[in-house]
Amino acid sequence: MALEAPFFGKNVQSMLKLGRAQGVAMAAALTREIPIVEYAPRKVKQSVTGNGNASKEQVAAMLKTMFKFEDTPKLLDATDALAVAVCHHFQSGVLPTRGGSKSWGAFLAENPDRVK
């Protein structure tokens, strides 16, 4: 499970609610023995846009280009979550890439239950 590490904001109530939500998500992952990785907001932005100081709108625009979706949500929470997942993918190197030591064919052969 990949999470964005909390940052210090101006709104204490928002920070409290975010902390509670992250705590519940972490507890759920731990009960299933799912590893948890946290990424700093700057790391997430750097991974997606190449700029650790990018705005939420810039992150959303880059994701829109990467995944070719048409509408950008009004509230950018969805693109923030997708950015964390993309960052985790880039950082973990879990999935094989073209030209790497593993091919997609090898991955599929080793994981037939993951293909539908």
C-alpha atoms as a PDB file:
ATOM      1  CA  MET A   1       0.000   0.000   0.000  1.00  0.00           C
ATOM      2  CA  ALA A   2       1.366   3.376  -0.931  1.00  0.00           C
ATOM      3  CA  LEU A   3       0.442   6.487   1.019  1.00  0.00           C
ATOM      4  CA  GLU A   4       1.403  10.113   0.789  1.00  0.00           C
ATOM      5  CA  ALA A   5       3.046  11.235   4.014  1.00  0.00           C
ATOM      6  CA  PRO A   6       1.091  14.000   5.707  1.00  0.00           C
ATOM      7  CA  PHE A   7       2.366  17.527   5.418  1.00  0.00           C
ATOM      8  CA  PHE A   8       1.886  20.369   7.864  1.00  0.00           C
ATOM      9  CA  GLY A   9      -1.016  22.477   6.723  1.00  0.00           C
ATOM     10  CA  LYS A  10      -2.729  25.517   8.130  1.00  0.00           C
ATOM     11  CA  ASN A  11      -6.038  23.805   8.896  1.00  0.00           C
ATOM     12  CA  VAL A  12      -5.679  21.714  12.068  1.00  0.00           C
ATOM     13  CA  GLN A  13      -9.084  20.060  11.620  1.00  0.00           C
ATOM     14  CA  SER A  14      -8.154  18.853   8.137  1.00  0.00           C
ATOM     15  CA  MET A  15      -4.875  17.459   9.423  1.00  0.00           C
ATOM     16  CA  LEU A  16      -6.669  15.626  12.225  1.00  0.00           C
ATOM     17  CA  LYS A  17      -9.182  14.068   9.820  1.00  0.00           C
ATOM     18  CA  LEU A  18      -6.444  13.083   7.377  1.00  0.00           C
ATOM     19  CA  GLY A  19      -4.452  11.458  10.173  1.00  0.00           C
ATOM     20  CA  ARG A  20      -7.466   9.445  11.266  1.00  0.00           C
ATOM     21  CA  ALA A  21      -8.187   8.287   7.709  1.00  0.00           C
ATOM     22  CA  GLN A  22      -4.572   7.297   7.151  1.00  0.00           C
ATOM     23  CA  GLY A  23      -4.524   5.450  10.470  1.00  0.00           C
ATOM     24  CA  VAL A  24      -7.567   3.400   9.492  1.00  0.00           C
ATOM     25  CA  ALA A  25      -6.072   2.617   6.070  1.00  0.00           C
ATOM     26  CA  MET A  26      -2.782   1.584   7.674  1.00  0.00           C
ATOM     27  CA  ALA A  27      -4.528  -0.596  10.258  1.00  0.00           C
ATOM     28  CA  ALA A  28      -6.507  -2.328   7.506  1.00  0.00           C
ATOM     29  CA  ALA A  29      -3.312  -2.996   5.550  1.00  0.00           C
ATOM     30  CA  LEU A  30      -1.498  -4.298   8.611  1.00  0.00           C
ATOM     31  CA  THR A  31      -4.307  -6.736   9.463  1.00  0.00           C
ATOM     32  CA  ARG A  32      -3.860  -8.205   5.957  1.00  0.00           C
ATOM     33  CA  GLU A  33      -0.054  -8.116   6.248  1.00  0.00           C
ATOM     34  CA  ILE A  34       0.164  -5.705   3.310  1.00  0.00           C
ATOM     35  CA  PRO A  35       3.401  -3.713   3.323  1.00  0.00           C
ATOM     36  CA  ILE A  36       3.010   0.053   3.673  1.00  0.00           C
ATOM     37  CA  VAL A  37       5.217   2.607   1.940  1.00  0.00           C
ATOM     38  CA  GLU A  38       4.984   6.362   2.480  1.00  0.00           C
ATOM     39  CA  TYR A  39       6.147   8.959  -0.009  1.00  0.00           C
ATOM     40  CA  ALA A  40       6.702  12.630   0.722  1.00  0.00           C
ATOM     41  CA  PRO A  41       4.448  14.953  -1.300  1.00  0.00           C
ATOM     42  CA  ARG A  42       7.532  16.399  -3.000  1.00  0.00           C
ATOM     43  CA  LYS A  43       8.646  12.879  -4.044  1.00  0.00           C
ATOM     44  CA  VAL A  44       5.227  12.136  -5.538  1.00  0.00           C
ATOM     45  CA  LYS A  45       5.246  15.378  -7.534  1.00  0.00           C
ATOM     46  CA  GLN A  46       8.846  14.774  -8.672  1.00  0.00           C
ATOM     47  CA  SER A  47       8.008  11.243  -9.852  1.00  0.00           C
ATOM     48  CA  VAL A  48       4.986  12.330 -11.860  1.00  0.00           C
ATOM     49  CA  THR A  49       5.988  15.730 -13.246  1.00  0.00           C
ATOM     50  CA  GLY A  50       9.752  15.926 -12.818  1.00  0.00           C
ATOM     51  CA  ASN A  51       9.251  18.926 -10.507  1.00  0.00           C
ATOM     52  CA  GLY A  52       8.941  18.455  -6.748  1.00  0.00           C
ATOM     53  CA  ASN A  53       7.308  21.879  -6.460  1.00  0.00           C
ATOM     54  CA  ALA A  54       4.571  21.197  -9.037  1.00  0.00           C
ATOM     55  CA  SER A  55       1.044  22.315  -8.262  1.00  0.00           C
ATOM     56  CA  LYS A  56      -1.885  19.918  -7.907  1.00  0.00           C
ATOM     57  CA  GLU A  57      -3.113  21.179 -11.278  1.00  0.00           C
ATOM     58  CA  GLN A  58       0.236  20.375 -12.923  1.00  0.00           C
ATOM     59  CA  VAL A  59       0.195  16.867 -11.445  1.00  0.00           C
ATOM     60  CA  ALA A  60      -3.370  16.356 -12.706  1.00  0.00           C
ATOM     61  CA  ALA A  61      -2.411  17.611 -16.179  1.00  0.00           C
ATOM     62  CA  MET A  62       0.545  15.233 -16.388  1.00  0.00           C
ATOM     63  CA  LEU A  63      -1.598  12.272 -15.281  1.00  0.00           C
ATOM     64  CA  LYS A  64      -4.217  13.280 -17.823  1.00  0.00           C
ATOM     65  CA  THR A  65      -1.538  13.108 -20.517  1.00  0.00           C
ATOM     66  CA  MET A  66      -0.058   9.839 -19.231  1.00  0.00           C
ATOM     67  CA  PHE A  67      -3.368   7.992 -18.966  1.00  0.00           C
ATOM     68  CA  LYS A  68      -5.231   9.795 -21.734  1.00  0.00           C
ATOM     69  CA  PHE A  69      -8.358  10.546 -19.728  1.00  0.00           C
ATOM     70  CA  GLU A  70     -10.517  13.413 -20.908  1.00  0.00           C
ATOM     71  CA  ASP A  71     -11.971  15.082 -17.833  1.00  0.00           C
ATOM     72  CA  THR A  72      -9.977  16.411 -14.923  1.00  0.00           C
ATOM     73  CA  PRO A  73     -11.966  16.135 -11.670  1.00  0.00           C
ATOM     74  CA  LYS A  74     -12.960  19.401  -9.981  1.00  0.00           C
ATOM     75  CA  LEU A  75     -11.544  18.157  -6.692  1.00  0.00           C
ATOM     76  CA  LEU A  76      -8.039  16.873  -7.224  1.00  0.00           C
ATOM     77  CA  ASP A  77      -8.115  14.166  -4.520  1.00  0.00           C
ATOM     78  CA  ALA A  78      -8.519  11.447  -7.162  1.00  0.00           C
ATOM     79  CA  THR A  79      -5.523  12.623  -9.165  1.00  0.00           C
ATOM     80  CA  ASP A  80      -3.511  12.990  -5.939  1.00  0.00           C
ATOM     81  CA  ALA A  81      -4.229   9.328  -5.127  1.00  0.00           C
ATOM     82  CA  LEU A  82      -3.378   8.240  -8.670  1.00  0.00           C
ATOM     83  CA  ALA A  83      -0.126  10.213  -8.439  1.00  0.00           C
ATOM     84  CA  VAL A  84       0.868   8.274  -5.309  1.00  0.00           C
ATOM     85  CA  ALA A  85       0.165   4.991  -7.122  1.00  0.00           C
ATOM     86  CA  VAL A  86       2.227   6.107 -10.133  1.00  0.00           C
ATOM     87  CA  CYS A  87       5.069   7.201  -7.851  1.00  0.00           C
ATOM     88  CA  HIS A  88       4.992   3.822  -6.109  1.00  0.00           C
ATOM     89  CA  HIS A  89       5.081   2.025  -9.439  1.00  0.00           C
ATOM     90  CA  PHE A  90       8.077   4.067 -10.591  1.00  0.00           C
ATOM     91  CA  GLN A  91       9.901   3.609  -7.282  1.00  0.00           C
ATOM     92  CA  SER A  92       9.219  -0.082  -6.743  1.00  0.00           C
ATOM     93  CA  GLY A  93      10.046  -1.454 -10.161  1.00  0.00           C
ATOM     94  CA  VAL A  94       7.696  -4.342  -9.391  1.00  0.00           C
ATOM     95  CA  LEU A  95       6.273  -4.695 -12.875  1.00  0.00           C
ATOM     96  CA  PRO A  96       8.606  -5.668 -15.723  1.00  0.00           C
ATOM     97  CA  THR A  97       9.404  -3.220 -18.477  1.00  0.00           C
ATOM     98  CA  ARG A  98      10.380  -3.685 -22.090  1.00  0.00           C
ATOM     99  CA  GLY A  99      14.037  -4.427 -22.481  1.00  0.00           C
ATOM    100  CA  GLY A 100      14.418  -5.292 -18.802  1.00  0.00           C
ATOM    101  CA  SER A 101      15.578  -8.584 -17.422  1.00  0.00           C
ATOM    102  CA  LYS A 102      11.966  -9.758 -17.394  1.00  0.00           C
ATOM    103  CA  SER A 103       9.477  -9.509 -20.200  1.00  0.00           C
ATOM    104  CA  TRP A 104       5.707  -9.171 -19.985  1.00  0.00           C
ATOM    105  CA  GLY A 105       5.522 -12.705 -21.397  1.00  0.00           C
ATOM    106  CA  ALA A 106       7.640 -14.012 -18.519  1.00  0.00           C
ATOM    107  CA  PHE A 107       5.529 -12.080 -16.027  1.00  0.00           C
ATOM    108  CA  LEU A 108       2.309 -13.543 -17.464  1.00  0.00           C
ATOM    109  CA  ALA A 109       3.762 -17.051 -17.501  1.00  0.00           C
ATOM    110  CA  GLU A 110       4.781 -16.712 -13.838  1.00  0.00           C
ATOM    111  CA  ASN A 111       1.445 -15.167 -12.792  1.00  0.00           C
ATOM    112  CA  PRO A 112      -1.391 -16.800 -14.787  1.00  0.00           C
ATOM    113  CA  ASP A 113      -3.853 -16.076 -11.963  1.00  0.00           C
ATOM    114  CA  ARG A 114      -3.357 -12.319 -12.469  1.00  0.00           C
ATOM    115  CA  VAL A 115      -4.655 -12.369 -16.030  1.00  0.00           C
ATOM    116  CA  LYS A 116      -8.379 -12.284 -16.719  1.00  0.00           C
END
